[in-house]
Amino acid sequence: MRTQYCGDLSSQHIGQEVVLCGWVQRRRDHGGVIFIDLRDREGLVQVVFDPDRPEVFKRAEQVRSEYVLKITGRVRARPAGTANPDLATGEIEVLGADLEILNTAETPPIHLDSHAADASEELRLRYRYLDLRRPEMQARLRTRSRVTQVMRRFLDAHGFLDIETPILTKSTPEGARDYLVPSRTHPGEFFALPQSPQLFKQLLMMSGFDRYYQIARCFRDEDLRADRQPEFTQLDLEVSFMDEDELMGLMEALIRELFRAVIGVELPDPFPRLTYAEAMRRFGSDRPDLRIPLELIDVADLMAGVEFQVFAGPAADPEGRVVALRLPKGGALSRKEIDGYTQFVGIYGAKGLAYIKVNEWTTKGREGLQSPILKFLPDATVAGIMSRTGAVDGDLIFFGADKARVVNESMGALRVKLGQELGLLDGEWRPLWVVDFPLFERDPVNGRWVALHHPFTAPKEEHLGLLESDPGACLSRAYDMVLNGTELGGGSIRIHRDAVQRQVFKLLNISDEQAEERFGFLLKALRFGCPPHGGLAFGLDRLVMLMTGASSIRDVMAFPKTQTAACLLTDAPSTVDEAQLKELSLRLRTRA
């Protein structure tokens, strides 16, 4: 029906006759001359209709926003002084010779121009097919498509095979609730939608395929937030006969190629690496944003035995932590602003936020400091704090003291908030690897060991003996790629020996009977010549969110769910009739 896309026209097409199809962005009547801005997925072009073609001009007068048109015309240069430098097609226009109204449109319930941000997200999701017409949304989904193209090209070139894995599978514990699907042919039994292709990709390695990848749909029934959805997409891959350094190097190369090809950004080579312990010590997080030049500084030894029990208690507790966070030029913060940050850390369980303002330390010493806690701290402690933090006049020092988990979460979050709100970001893109994760951590509720990643992650070879003697000291062969404080992806070298896998299950309080019931097919496969293997999964939605500057993964997905896992467009989930339930041998329990 058309010869070109609207957005592809340029001065090279001047004098050519073209046929265009698209939607009306705007119609303007300028005293006998009608201008129509016609839009398609490639962009927008101005079409001019003169009254010397009465029938065509009359049809142009009927046109309204979002009408679907087919226009025939000739490309010409815009008159002198009327070029639009803000528009890709701003040097030319199309002189309309014919116009066909392919469809009319009601007035859209949301703006499709620069005022689109005025619409609520609920309205945008309910009319998603309109929201997706906006150039901003089209650009994001085009970027997403480009990302997957580059991924496939890179992996194909490196010998990976694109292999699909089942969507209907067995329910296995992987850290979140499964979405269950009742079976009609096996009454009372259920499939589960996969939280990831984890077990199947390991089975593919045991099948000898060596290098696998898949752009996979995954499903998790969990509480949602900006970077979570009940169904999401990840680049999932697995390799045999590679150690973690080889695999991480290959994945770095993939991400560098992706940023170079899609958005023209050169990322560092190689990415820096931090151990889990160092990341938690310096930043309170295993996904630190390295653009923020603020760090947590341990001061528990300086607080031991001080009169102030808020500090002395955690300093003496093996599970406690006391840290200082120096904010350069933070002395300018008002008491109201400090109170706001105190309320913020309270969200993470902190009972307060002590601070010292450094007004005139250089000339007045202790007398040049301002804080309600100074009266509890001896001179040696104050001098030690100033020396260790490197604070100078005009700075402010925040303190966190509690159980290590509370301190890490609250002060780590405060570090990020200060960096973002006070404009402290240094650089645009700061990737890194976090390595040497603990294999296990204690469940804070029942004290049992749980897998920090998943139960198929291999321990470091030199730590195999610690599985019996000291599980908490056992480090894993896991690795996470982090970019600007967001985990892009994570993976590990897997357990490939049956005896080690059973030993890990035992530590996780999974009996032999439970292991056979849940993972019997995997355990059996391990006994038939399983190669050493490992893999990684990148969150595609998160990756595209960062690359496009979107604030939520919902803005880079065509048809996302709300934060209550509902689809406003289709009104899903919905009830089903009694006949369907009967076919599935299900009956709903009547609510009281």
Protein backbone atom coordinates (compact mmCIF):
# COMPACT_ATOMS: atom_id res chain seq x y z
CA MET A 1 0.00 0.00 0.00
CA ARG A 2 2.91 2.38 0.63
CA THR A 3 6.24 3.13 -0.97
CA GLN A 4 8.08 4.54 2.09
CA TYR A 5 7.76 5.01 5.81
CA CYS A 6 7.03 8.59 6.85
CA GLY A 7 10.16 8.88 8.98
CA ASP A 8 12.43 7.61 6.22
CA LEU A 9 11.82 10.57 3.91
CA SER A 10 14.59 13.13 3.45
CA SER A 11 15.88 15.73 1.01
CA GLN A 12 17.12 12.86 -1.15
CA HIS A 13 13.48 12.13 -2.05
CA ILE A 14 12.68 15.65 -3.31
CA GLY A 15 10.73 15.43 -6.54
CA GLN A 16 9.66 11.82 -5.99
CA GLU A 17 6.05 10.68 -5.79
CA VAL A 18 5.41 8.65 -2.62
CA VAL A 19 2.55 6.73 -1.06
CA LEU A 20 2.39 6.95 2.74
CA CYS A 21 0.22 5.19 5.32
CA GLY A 22 -0.14 6.07 8.98
CA TRP A 23 -1.96 7.88 11.76
CA VAL A 24 -2.75 11.56 12.03
CA GLN A 25 -0.65 13.12 14.76
CA ARG A 26 -2.15 16.58 14.19
CA ARG A 27 -4.20 18.50 11.65
CA ARG A 28 -3.85 22.26 11.18
CA ASP A 29 -5.93 24.55 8.95
CA HIS A 30 -3.98 27.69 8.03
CA GLY A 31 -6.42 29.83 6.10
CA GLY A 32 -7.15 27.63 3.13
CA VAL A 33 -4.09 25.35 3.41
CA ILE A 34 -4.35 22.18 5.50
CA PHE A 35 -1.30 20.64 7.16
CA ILE A 36 -1.43 17.05 8.39
CA ASP A 37 1.38 15.54 10.45
CA LEU A 38 1.33 11.86 9.46
CA ARG A 39 2.99 9.35 11.79
CA ASP A 40 4.11 5.76 11.46
CA ARG A 41 6.62 3.63 13.35
CA GLU A 42 9.61 5.32 11.69
CA GLY A 43 8.60 8.89 12.46
CA LEU A 44 6.52 11.83 11.28
CA VAL A 45 6.26 13.91 8.14
CA GLN A 46 4.29 17.05 7.26
CA VAL A 47 1.78 16.74 4.41
CA VAL A 48 0.29 19.86 2.78
CA PHE A 49 -3.09 19.98 1.02
CA ASP A 50 -3.95 22.96 -1.21
CA PRO A 51 -7.54 23.80 -2.21
CA ASP A 52 -6.77 23.37 -5.94
CA ARG A 53 -7.91 19.73 -5.58
CA PRO A 54 -11.40 20.33 -4.12
CA GLU A 55 -12.40 16.70 -3.46
CA VAL A 56 -9.12 15.81 -1.82
CA PHE A 57 -9.13 19.05 0.16
CA LYS A 58 -12.66 18.30 1.39
CA ARG A 59 -11.57 14.89 2.66
CA ALA A 60 -8.58 16.52 4.38
CA GLU A 61 -11.00 18.85 6.19
CA GLN A 62 -12.75 15.81 7.69
CA VAL A 63 -9.56 14.37 9.14
CA ARG A 64 -9.04 14.29 12.92
CA SER A 65 -6.33 13.01 15.26
CA GLU A 66 -5.59 9.28 15.01
CA TYR A 67 -7.48 8.79 11.75
CA VAL A 68 -5.73 6.19 9.62
CA LEU A 69 -4.82 7.58 6.18
CA LYS A 70 -3.26 6.61 2.89
CA ILE A 71 -1.73 9.64 1.19
CA THR A 72 -0.22 10.00 -2.26
CA GLY A 73 1.91 13.07 -2.95
CA ARG A 74 5.20 14.55 -4.11
CA VAL A 75 8.14 15.34 -1.84
CA ARG A 76 9.38 18.92 -1.93
CA ALA A 77 11.67 21.15 0.09
CA ARG A 78 9.96 23.26 2.71
CA PRO A 79 9.72 26.97 1.89
CA ALA A 80 12.63 29.09 3.09
CA GLY A 81 12.46 29.82 6.81
CA THR A 82 9.96 27.02 7.60
CA ALA A 83 12.35 24.08 8.13
CA ASN A 84 11.99 22.31 11.48
CA PRO A 85 15.44 21.35 12.88
CA ASP A 86 13.82 19.34 15.69
CA LEU A 87 12.23 16.92 13.22
CA ALA A 88 14.15 14.28 11.25
CA THR A 89 12.03 15.10 8.20
CA GLY A 90 12.03 18.82 8.98
CA GLU A 91 13.69 19.92 5.73
CA ILE A 92 10.96 18.50 3.48
CA GLU A 93 7.21 18.11 3.22
CA VAL A 94 4.82 16.18 1.00
CA LEU A 95 2.40 18.02 -1.28
CA GLY A 96 -0.71 15.86 -1.06
CA ALA A 97 -2.31 14.78 -4.35
CA ASP A 98 -4.70 12.14 -3.01
CA LEU A 99 -6.01 11.12 0.38
CA GLU A 100 -7.91 8.01 1.42
CA ILE A 101 -9.41 7.70 4.89
CA LEU A 102 -8.76 4.07 5.79
CA ASN A 103 -10.40 4.41 9.20
CA THR A 104 -11.77 7.02 11.54
CA ALA A 105 -10.99 7.25 15.25
CA GLU A 106 -12.73 8.37 18.40
CA THR A 107 -10.98 11.00 20.51
CA PRO A 108 -8.25 9.08 22.37
CA PRO A 109 -8.62 8.94 26.18
CA ILE A 110 -4.90 9.71 26.54
CA HIS A 111 -2.66 12.23 24.78
CA LEU A 112 -0.27 10.74 22.25
CA ASP A 113 2.04 13.75 22.18
CA SER A 114 4.27 15.54 24.67
CA HIS A 115 1.41 15.63 27.20
CA ALA A 116 1.33 11.82 27.48
CA ALA A 117 3.10 12.01 30.83
CA ASP A 118 -0.02 13.69 32.23
CA ALA A 119 -1.94 10.40 31.93
CA SER A 120 -1.93 8.00 34.88
CA GLU A 121 -0.16 4.70 34.45
CA GLU A 122 -3.47 2.93 35.04
CA LEU A 123 -5.00 4.73 32.06
CA ARG A 124 -1.94 4.06 29.92
CA LEU A 125 -2.07 0.34 30.70
CA ARG A 126 -5.81 0.11 30.10
CA TYR A 127 -5.36 1.67 26.65
CA ARG A 128 -1.94 0.17 26.02
CA TYR A 129 -2.49 -0.09 22.26
CA LEU A 130 -2.79 3.71 22.21
CA ASP A 131 0.10 4.26 24.62
CA LEU A 132 2.32 2.13 22.38
CA ARG A 133 1.71 4.50 19.46
CA ARG A 134 3.74 7.18 21.22
CA PRO A 135 7.21 7.70 19.70
CA GLU A 136 8.86 7.27 23.09
CA MET A 137 7.30 3.85 23.61
CA GLN A 138 7.96 2.80 20.02
CA ALA A 139 11.63 3.76 20.42
CA ARG A 140 11.95 1.65 23.57
CA LEU A 141 10.48 -1.45 21.97
CA ARG A 142 12.62 -0.93 18.88
CA THR A 143 15.66 -0.81 21.16
CA ARG A 144 14.49 -4.01 22.80
CA SER A 145 14.23 -5.70 19.42
CA ARG A 146 17.70 -4.45 18.49
CA VAL A 147 19.10 -5.81 21.77
CA THR A 148 17.82 -9.31 21.09
CA GLN A 149 19.14 -9.17 17.52
CA VAL A 150 22.64 -8.31 18.72
CA MET A 151 22.47 -10.97 21.43
CA ARG A 152 21.52 -13.66 18.94
CA ARG A 153 24.18 -12.61 16.45
CA PHE A 154 26.91 -12.64 19.10
CA LEU A 155 25.93 -15.98 20.59
CA ASP A 156 25.45 -17.61 17.21
CA ALA A 157 28.96 -16.46 16.26
CA HIS A 158 30.34 -18.07 19.43
CA GLY A 159 28.82 -21.48 18.82
CA PHE A 160 25.72 -21.28 21.02
CA LEU A 161 22.60 -23.18 20.00
CA ASP A 162 19.14 -21.65 20.47
CA ILE A 163 17.11 -24.41 22.17
CA GLU A 164 13.64 -24.07 23.70
CA THR A 165 12.73 -25.62 27.04
CA PRO A 166 9.27 -26.52 28.38
CA ILE A 167 6.77 -24.01 29.70
CA LEU A 168 4.63 -26.68 31.38
CA THR A 169 6.93 -28.39 33.86
CA LYS A 170 7.26 -29.75 37.38
CA SER A 171 6.96 -27.55 40.45
CA THR A 172 10.38 -27.25 42.10
CA PRO A 173 11.36 -24.82 44.87
CA GLU A 174 13.41 -21.97 43.40
CA GLY A 175 12.85 -19.12 45.85
CA ALA A 176 9.42 -17.79 44.77
CA ARG A 177 5.92 -19.18 44.48
CA ASP A 178 5.15 -21.09 41.32
CA TYR A 179 2.28 -20.34 38.98
CA LEU A 180 0.39 -23.64 38.85
CA VAL A 181 -1.58 -25.04 35.91
CA PRO A 182 -4.12 -27.80 36.64
CA SER A 183 -3.96 -30.86 34.39
CA ARG A 184 -7.20 -32.01 32.76
CA THR A 185 -5.78 -35.39 31.82
CA HIS A 186 -4.25 -36.03 35.23
CA PRO A 187 -6.98 -34.92 37.68
CA GLY A 188 -5.69 -33.44 40.91
CA GLU A 189 -2.17 -32.92 39.51
CA PHE A 190 -0.54 -29.71 38.36
CA PHE A 191 2.09 -28.36 36.05
CA ALA A 192 4.11 -25.31 37.06
CA LEU A 193 5.22 -22.46 34.84
CA PRO A 194 9.03 -22.22 34.96
CA GLN A 195 10.64 -19.64 37.23
CA SER A 196 13.68 -20.16 34.99
CA PRO A 197 14.94 -22.88 32.65
CA GLN A 198 17.60 -23.77 35.25
CA LEU A 199 17.20 -27.54 35.46
CA PHE A 200 16.51 -28.04 31.76
CA LYS A 201 19.58 -26.10 30.68
CA GLN A 202 21.69 -28.24 33.00
CA LEU A 203 20.13 -31.33 31.42
CA LEU A 204 21.08 -29.95 27.99
CA MET A 205 24.70 -29.84 29.13
CA MET A 206 24.39 -33.45 30.25
CA SER A 207 22.98 -34.17 26.79
CA GLY A 208 26.19 -32.96 25.17
CA PHE A 209 24.99 -29.72 23.53
CA ASP A 210 27.93 -27.81 25.04
CA ARG A 211 26.64 -24.26 24.49
CA TYR A 212 22.96 -23.36 24.85
CA TYR A 213 21.04 -20.10 24.90
CA GLN A 214 17.42 -19.06 24.89
CA ILE A 215 15.53 -15.79 25.18
CA ALA A 216 13.18 -17.32 27.70
CA ARG A 217 9.91 -16.38 29.32
CA CYS A 218 9.94 -16.92 33.09
CA PHE A 219 7.16 -16.78 35.67
CA ARG A 220 7.27 -15.99 39.39
CA ASP A 221 4.36 -15.37 41.71
CA GLU A 222 6.00 -12.83 44.01
CA ASP A 223 5.46 -9.34 45.34
CA LEU A 224 6.15 -6.79 42.63
CA ARG A 225 8.09 -3.53 42.29
CA ALA A 226 9.51 -1.36 39.52
CA ASP A 227 11.87 -4.01 38.18
CA ARG A 228 9.68 -7.08 38.74
CA GLN A 229 6.81 -8.60 36.78
CA PRO A 230 4.97 -11.92 37.18
CA GLU A 231 6.16 -12.85 33.69
CA PHE A 232 9.47 -11.57 32.43
CA THR A 233 12.15 -12.34 29.88
CA GLN A 234 15.76 -13.31 30.33
CA LEU A 235 18.66 -14.26 28.15
CA ASP A 236 19.40 -17.70 29.55
CA LEU A 237 22.58 -19.58 28.68
CA GLU A 238 24.73 -22.49 29.78
CA VAL A 239 28.12 -23.84 28.71
CA SER A 240 30.20 -26.94 29.37
CA PHE A 241 33.95 -27.15 29.93
CA MET A 242 34.41 -23.47 30.84
CA ASP A 243 35.53 -22.11 34.18
CA GLU A 244 34.08 -18.93 35.65
CA ASP A 245 36.84 -16.65 34.34
CA GLU A 246 36.31 -17.83 30.76
CA LEU A 247 32.55 -17.52 31.01
CA MET A 248 32.65 -14.09 32.64
CA GLY A 249 35.06 -12.86 29.96
CA LEU A 250 32.73 -14.03 27.22
CA MET A 251 29.70 -12.38 28.87
CA GLU A 252 31.62 -9.11 29.28
CA ALA A 253 32.33 -9.17 25.56
CA LEU A 254 28.63 -9.70 24.87
CA ILE A 255 27.55 -6.73 26.99
CA ARG A 256 30.27 -4.50 25.54
CA GLU A 257 29.14 -5.39 22.02
CA LEU A 258 25.52 -4.78 23.00
CA PHE A 259 26.17 -1.27 24.32
CA ARG A 260 28.44 -0.41 21.42
CA ALA A 261 26.05 -1.63 18.71
CA VAL A 262 22.75 -0.46 20.19
CA ILE A 263 23.44 2.85 21.96
CA GLY A 264 27.01 3.71 20.92
CA VAL A 265 28.54 3.40 24.39
CA GLU A 266 32.00 1.95 25.05
CA LEU A 267 32.14 0.07 28.36
CA PRO A 268 35.45 -0.62 30.13
CA ASP A 269 37.56 -3.66 29.29
CA PRO A 270 37.80 -5.53 31.56
CA PHE A 271 35.01 -4.88 34.07
CA PRO A 272 36.29 -4.39 37.62
CA ARG A 273 35.62 -7.17 40.14
CA LEU A 274 34.66 -6.96 43.79
CA THR A 275 34.28 -9.80 46.21
CA TYR A 276 30.93 -10.07 47.96
CA ALA A 277 32.62 -9.34 51.28
CA GLU A 278 34.27 -6.16 49.96
CA ALA A 279 31.06 -4.95 48.30
CA MET A 280 29.11 -5.37 51.53
CA ARG A 281 31.86 -3.77 53.61
CA ARG A 282 32.30 -0.70 51.39
CA PHE A 283 28.79 -0.20 50.04
CA GLY A 284 26.37 -2.27 52.16
CA SER A 285 25.07 -3.95 49.00
CA ASP A 286 26.03 -6.79 46.68
CA ARG A 287 24.93 -4.63 43.73
CA PRO A 288 26.75 -1.35 44.41
CA ASP A 289 26.36 1.72 42.23
CA LEU A 290 29.98 2.68 41.62
CA ARG A 291 28.97 6.06 40.22
CA ILE A 292 28.36 7.24 43.80
CA PRO A 293 31.67 8.23 45.48
CA LEU A 294 30.51 7.48 49.03
CA GLU A 295 31.60 4.49 51.13
CA LEU A 296 30.77 2.92 54.47
CA ILE A 297 33.69 2.98 56.91
CA ASP A 298 33.83 0.54 59.81
CA VAL A 299 34.32 2.25 63.18
CA ALA A 300 33.18 -0.47 65.61
CA ASP A 301 36.66 -0.73 67.14
CA LEU A 302 36.55 3.01 67.92
CA MET A 303 33.17 2.65 69.63
CA ALA A 304 34.00 -0.31 71.84
CA GLY A 305 33.25 0.59 75.44
CA VAL A 306 31.96 4.11 74.83
CA GLU A 307 29.24 5.43 77.09
CA PHE A 308 26.71 5.57 74.24
CA GLN A 309 25.09 2.11 74.17
CA VAL A 310 23.59 2.72 70.73
CA PHE A 311 27.17 2.37 69.48
CA ALA A 312 28.77 0.26 72.21
CA GLY A 313 26.17 -2.53 71.96
CA PRO A 314 26.57 -3.32 68.25
CA ALA A 315 30.34 -2.77 68.55
CA ALA A 316 30.52 -5.63 71.06
CA ASP A 317 28.08 -7.89 69.15
CA PRO A 318 29.70 -10.43 66.76
CA GLU A 319 26.66 -9.97 64.51
CA GLY A 320 26.65 -6.19 64.88
CA ARG A 321 28.18 -3.45 62.81
CA VAL A 322 28.98 0.24 63.34
CA VAL A 323 29.78 2.38 60.29
CA ALA A 324 30.39 5.98 59.36
CA LEU A 325 29.36 7.54 56.05
CA ARG A 326 31.13 10.79 55.17
CA LEU A 327 29.12 13.20 53.02
CA PRO A 328 31.40 15.87 51.52
CA LYS A 329 29.93 19.38 52.03
CA GLY A 330 27.02 17.75 53.85
CA GLY A 331 27.29 20.30 56.62
CA ALA A 332 24.98 22.47 54.55
CA LEU A 333 22.08 20.07 55.17
CA SER A 334 19.33 21.50 57.35
CA ARG A 335 17.94 19.75 60.40
CA LYS A 336 14.73 19.12 58.45
CA GLU A 337 16.68 17.39 55.69
CA ILE A 338 18.58 15.26 58.22
CA ASP A 339 15.27 14.31 59.86
CA GLY A 340 14.01 13.25 56.44
CA TYR A 341 16.98 10.94 55.97
CA THR A 342 16.41 9.59 59.48
CA GLN A 343 12.86 8.65 58.51
CA PHE A 344 14.19 7.08 55.31
CA VAL A 345 16.61 4.68 57.04
CA GLY A 346 13.77 3.73 59.37
CA ILE A 347 12.13 2.00 56.40
CA TYR A 348 15.00 -0.51 56.54
CA GLY A 349 14.74 -1.13 60.28
CA ALA A 350 17.26 1.45 61.54
CA LYS A 351 16.27 2.94 64.90
CA GLY A 352 17.87 6.28 64.18
CA LEU A 353 20.55 8.15 62.26
CA ALA A 354 23.28 9.75 64.34
CA TYR A 355 25.47 12.42 62.75
CA ILE A 356 28.32 14.84 63.30
CA LYS A 357 28.56 18.16 61.45
CA VAL A 358 32.14 19.19 60.80
CA ASN A 359 32.08 22.97 61.06
CA GLU A 360 35.58 24.10 62.09
CA TRP A 361 37.60 21.01 62.98
CA THR A 362 40.78 22.40 61.43
CA THR A 363 40.97 25.43 63.72
CA LYS A 364 38.84 24.50 66.75
CA GLY A 365 39.16 20.75 67.01
CA ARG A 366 36.39 19.08 68.96
CA GLU A 367 34.75 22.44 69.64
CA GLY A 368 34.30 22.89 65.91
CA LEU A 369 32.02 19.84 65.69
CA GLN A 370 28.25 19.84 66.14
CA SER A 371 26.26 16.78 67.21
CA PRO A 372 23.96 15.54 70.01
CA ILE A 373 26.17 12.44 70.41
CA LEU A 374 29.49 14.20 71.01
CA LYS A 375 29.00 14.30 74.77
CA PHE A 376 29.08 10.48 74.81
CA LEU A 377 32.31 10.12 72.83
CA PRO A 378 35.81 10.50 74.32
CA ASP A 379 38.43 12.61 72.57
CA ALA A 380 40.31 9.56 71.26
CA THR A 381 37.17 8.18 69.62
CA VAL A 382 36.34 11.52 68.00
CA ALA A 383 39.90 11.92 66.72
CA GLY A 384 39.82 8.37 65.38
CA ILE A 385 36.55 9.00 63.53
CA MET A 386 37.85 12.18 61.94
CA SER A 387 41.10 10.54 60.89
CA ARG A 388 39.53 7.38 59.50
CA THR A 389 36.77 9.13 57.52
CA GLY A 390 39.05 11.89 56.24
CA ALA A 391 36.34 14.44 57.01
CA VAL A 392 37.15 18.12 56.53
CA ASP A 393 35.40 21.36 57.39
CA GLY A 394 31.97 21.55 55.78
CA ASP A 395 31.42 17.78 55.76
CA LEU A 396 28.82 15.73 57.59
CA ILE A 397 29.30 12.21 58.97
CA PHE A 398 26.31 9.87 59.30
CA PHE A 399 26.47 6.78 61.54
CA GLY A 400 24.71 3.43 61.43
CA ALA A 401 24.81 0.98 64.34
CA ASP A 402 22.77 -2.23 64.65
CA LYS A 403 22.83 -5.81 63.44
CA ALA A 404 24.99 -6.01 60.33
CA ARG A 405 22.00 -6.83 58.12
CA VAL A 406 20.12 -3.69 59.25
CA VAL A 407 23.19 -1.47 58.93
CA ASN A 408 24.02 -2.75 55.46
CA GLU A 409 20.49 -2.34 54.15
CA SER A 410 19.79 1.06 55.72
CA MET A 411 23.15 2.74 55.19
CA GLY A 412 23.56 1.18 51.75
CA ALA A 413 20.19 2.63 50.74
CA LEU A 414 21.07 6.00 52.31
CA ARG A 415 24.30 6.08 50.30
CA VAL A 416 22.32 5.64 47.07
CA LYS A 417 19.68 8.20 48.05
CA LEU A 418 22.29 10.81 48.92
CA GLY A 419 24.15 10.19 45.69
CA GLN A 420 21.05 10.55 43.54
CA GLU A 421 19.40 13.47 45.35
CA LEU A 422 22.57 15.53 45.78
CA GLY A 423 23.86 14.99 42.24
CA LEU A 424 26.98 13.07 43.20
CA LEU A 425 26.94 10.58 40.33
CA ASP A 426 30.39 10.23 38.74
CA GLY A 427 30.14 8.87 35.19
CA GLU A 428 27.24 7.45 33.20
CA TRP A 429 27.95 3.70 33.09
CA ARG A 430 29.84 1.77 35.78
CA PRO A 431 29.68 -2.02 35.35
CA LEU A 432 31.35 -4.56 37.63
CA TRP A 433 31.35 -8.20 38.64
CA VAL A 434 30.61 -9.30 42.20
CA VAL A 435 32.24 -12.65 43.00
CA ASP A 436 33.05 -14.99 45.90
CA PHE A 437 29.56 -15.10 47.33
CA PRO A 438 28.90 -17.26 50.38
CA LEU A 439 27.35 -20.56 49.35
CA PHE A 440 24.88 -20.44 52.25
CA GLU A 441 23.28 -17.94 54.59
CA ARG A 442 21.18 -18.37 57.72
CA ASP A 443 17.43 -17.98 57.47
CA PRO A 444 16.72 -15.08 59.89
CA VAL A 445 13.47 -16.76 61.02
CA ASN A 446 14.43 -20.37 61.73
CA GLY A 447 18.23 -20.21 61.60
CA ARG A 448 18.53 -22.94 58.98
CA TRP A 449 20.99 -22.81 56.12
CA VAL A 450 19.54 -21.61 52.81
CA ALA A 451 21.25 -21.28 49.44
CA LEU A 452 22.29 -17.69 48.73
CA HIS A 453 21.69 -18.25 45.01
CA HIS A 454 20.15 -21.68 44.33
CA PRO A 455 20.95 -25.22 45.49
CA PHE A 456 22.76 -26.17 42.26
CA THR A 457 25.56 -23.61 42.70
CA ALA A 458 28.96 -25.25 43.10
CA PRO A 459 31.23 -24.50 46.06
CA LYS A 460 34.80 -23.49 45.37
CA GLU A 461 36.87 -26.63 44.95
CA GLU A 462 39.17 -25.65 47.82
CA HIS A 463 36.12 -25.21 50.08
CA LEU A 464 34.54 -28.63 49.56
CA GLY A 465 35.82 -29.73 52.97
CA LEU A 466 33.97 -26.83 54.61
CA LEU A 467 30.61 -28.35 53.67
CA GLU A 468 31.06 -30.62 56.69
CA SER A 469 33.13 -28.50 59.05
CA ASP A 470 32.03 -24.87 58.49
CA PRO A 471 29.27 -24.32 55.87
CA GLY A 472 29.05 -20.61 56.66
CA ALA A 473 32.65 -20.09 55.52
CA CYS A 474 32.13 -21.96 52.24
CA LEU A 475 32.34 -19.67 49.20
CA SER A 476 30.56 -20.40 45.94
CA ARG A 477 31.56 -20.21 42.29
CA ALA A 478 28.82 -17.65 41.66
CA TYR A 479 29.08 -14.29 39.92
CA ASP A 480 26.74 -11.34 39.37
CA MET A 481 27.10 -8.60 36.77
CA VAL A 482 26.01 -5.22 38.14
CA LEU A 483 25.48 -1.95 36.28
CA ASN A 484 24.73 1.36 38.01
CA GLY A 485 23.37 -0.38 41.09
CA THR A 486 21.17 -2.82 39.17
CA GLU A 487 21.87 -6.53 38.89
CA LEU A 488 21.94 -7.21 35.15
CA GLY A 489 22.42 -10.92 35.53
CA GLY A 490 23.84 -13.64 37.65
CA GLY A 491 25.01 -17.19 37.40
CA SER A 492 27.43 -19.77 38.64
CA ILE A 493 29.41 -22.86 37.90
CA ARG A 494 27.05 -25.72 38.77
CA ILE A 495 27.48 -28.84 40.87
CA HIS A 496 28.24 -31.65 38.43
CA ARG A 497 28.84 -34.51 40.88
CA ASP A 498 25.99 -36.43 42.48
CA ALA A 499 27.67 -36.80 45.88
CA VAL A 500 28.27 -33.06 46.23
CA GLN A 501 24.72 -32.24 45.15
CA ARG A 502 23.30 -34.61 47.79
CA GLN A 503 25.59 -33.12 50.43
CA VAL A 504 24.31 -29.61 49.62
CA PHE A 505 20.70 -30.83 49.72
CA LYS A 506 21.36 -32.32 53.17
CA LEU A 507 22.72 -29.00 54.47
CA LEU A 508 19.60 -27.30 53.13
CA ASN A 509 17.46 -29.73 55.15
CA ILE A 510 16.28 -31.54 52.01
CA SER A 511 16.11 -35.26 52.80
CA ASP A 512 17.05 -37.96 50.29
CA GLU A 513 13.35 -38.72 49.85
CA GLN A 514 12.49 -35.06 49.24
CA ALA A 515 15.43 -34.71 46.86
CA GLU A 516 14.25 -37.69 44.81
CA GLU A 517 10.68 -36.36 44.77
CA ARG A 518 11.65 -32.84 43.68
CA PHE A 519 14.84 -33.33 41.70
CA GLY A 520 15.08 -37.07 41.02
CA PHE A 521 15.44 -36.57 37.27
CA LEU A 522 18.40 -34.23 37.79
CA LEU A 523 20.11 -36.48 40.33
CA LYS A 524 19.75 -39.44 38.00
CA ALA A 525 21.27 -37.47 35.13
CA LEU A 526 24.25 -36.52 37.30
CA ARG A 527 25.15 -40.21 37.52
CA PHE A 528 25.51 -40.63 33.74
CA GLY A 529 28.65 -38.67 32.96
CA CYS A 530 27.76 -35.04 33.69
CA PRO A 531 30.36 -32.55 32.37
CA PRO A 532 31.54 -29.54 34.38
CA HIS A 533 29.23 -26.71 33.37
CA GLY A 534 27.95 -23.29 34.34
CA GLY A 535 25.81 -20.50 33.08
CA LEU A 536 24.23 -17.14 33.55
CA ALA A 537 20.94 -15.35 32.93
CA PHE A 538 20.58 -11.67 32.04
CA GLY A 539 17.32 -9.88 32.84
CA LEU A 540 16.37 -8.60 29.39
CA ASP A 541 13.71 -6.24 30.73
CA ARG A 542 16.10 -4.65 33.25
CA LEU A 543 18.82 -4.35 30.63
CA VAL A 544 16.57 -2.52 28.17
CA MET A 545 15.19 -0.35 30.99
CA LEU A 546 18.71 0.89 31.75
CA MET A 547 19.70 1.34 28.12
CA THR A 548 16.60 3.42 27.32
CA GLY A 549 16.55 5.42 30.56
CA ALA A 550 13.09 4.13 31.50
CA SER A 551 12.11 4.20 35.17
CA SER A 552 10.31 0.85 35.18
CA ILE A 553 10.48 -2.39 33.24
CA ARG A 554 6.78 -1.87 32.51
CA ASP A 555 7.87 0.86 30.09
CA VAL A 556 9.95 -1.56 28.02
CA MET A 557 7.40 -4.38 27.86
CA ALA A 558 4.61 -4.33 25.30
CA PHE A 559 1.83 -5.57 27.58
CA PRO A 560 2.91 -5.56 31.23
CA LYS A 561 0.94 -6.26 34.37
CA THR A 562 0.26 -3.85 37.23
CA GLN A 563 1.95 -4.11 40.62
CA THR A 564 -0.91 -6.37 41.69
CA ALA A 565 -0.18 -8.73 38.75
CA ALA A 566 -3.31 -7.72 36.81
CA CYS A 567 -3.71 -6.88 33.14
CA LEU A 568 -5.93 -3.81 32.84
CA LEU A 569 -6.11 -4.16 29.06
CA THR A 570 -7.70 -7.62 29.06
CA ASP A 571 -9.11 -7.63 32.63
CA ALA A 572 -7.03 -10.67 33.52
CA PRO A 573 -7.06 -12.60 35.75
CA SER A 574 -10.77 -13.35 35.43
CA THR A 575 -13.28 -15.91 36.56
CA VAL A 576 -14.02 -19.02 34.50
CA ASP A 577 -17.30 -20.86 34.20
CA GLU A 578 -18.27 -23.94 36.15
CA ALA A 579 -17.89 -26.23 33.13
CA GLN A 580 -14.20 -25.36 32.76
CA LEU A 581 -13.57 -25.98 36.45
CA LYS A 582 -15.36 -29.32 36.27
CA GLU A 583 -13.19 -30.42 33.32
CA LEU A 584 -10.15 -29.72 35.50
CA SER A 585 -11.62 -31.51 38.54
CA LEU A 586 -11.55 -28.24 40.47
CA ARG A 587 -14.05 -26.64 42.79
CA LEU A 588 -13.76 -23.18 44.27
CA ARG A 589 -14.02 -22.83 48.02
CA THR A 590 -16.82 -20.48 49.03
CA ARG A 591 -15.50 -17.44 50.83
CA ALA A 592 -16.94 -16.81 54.26
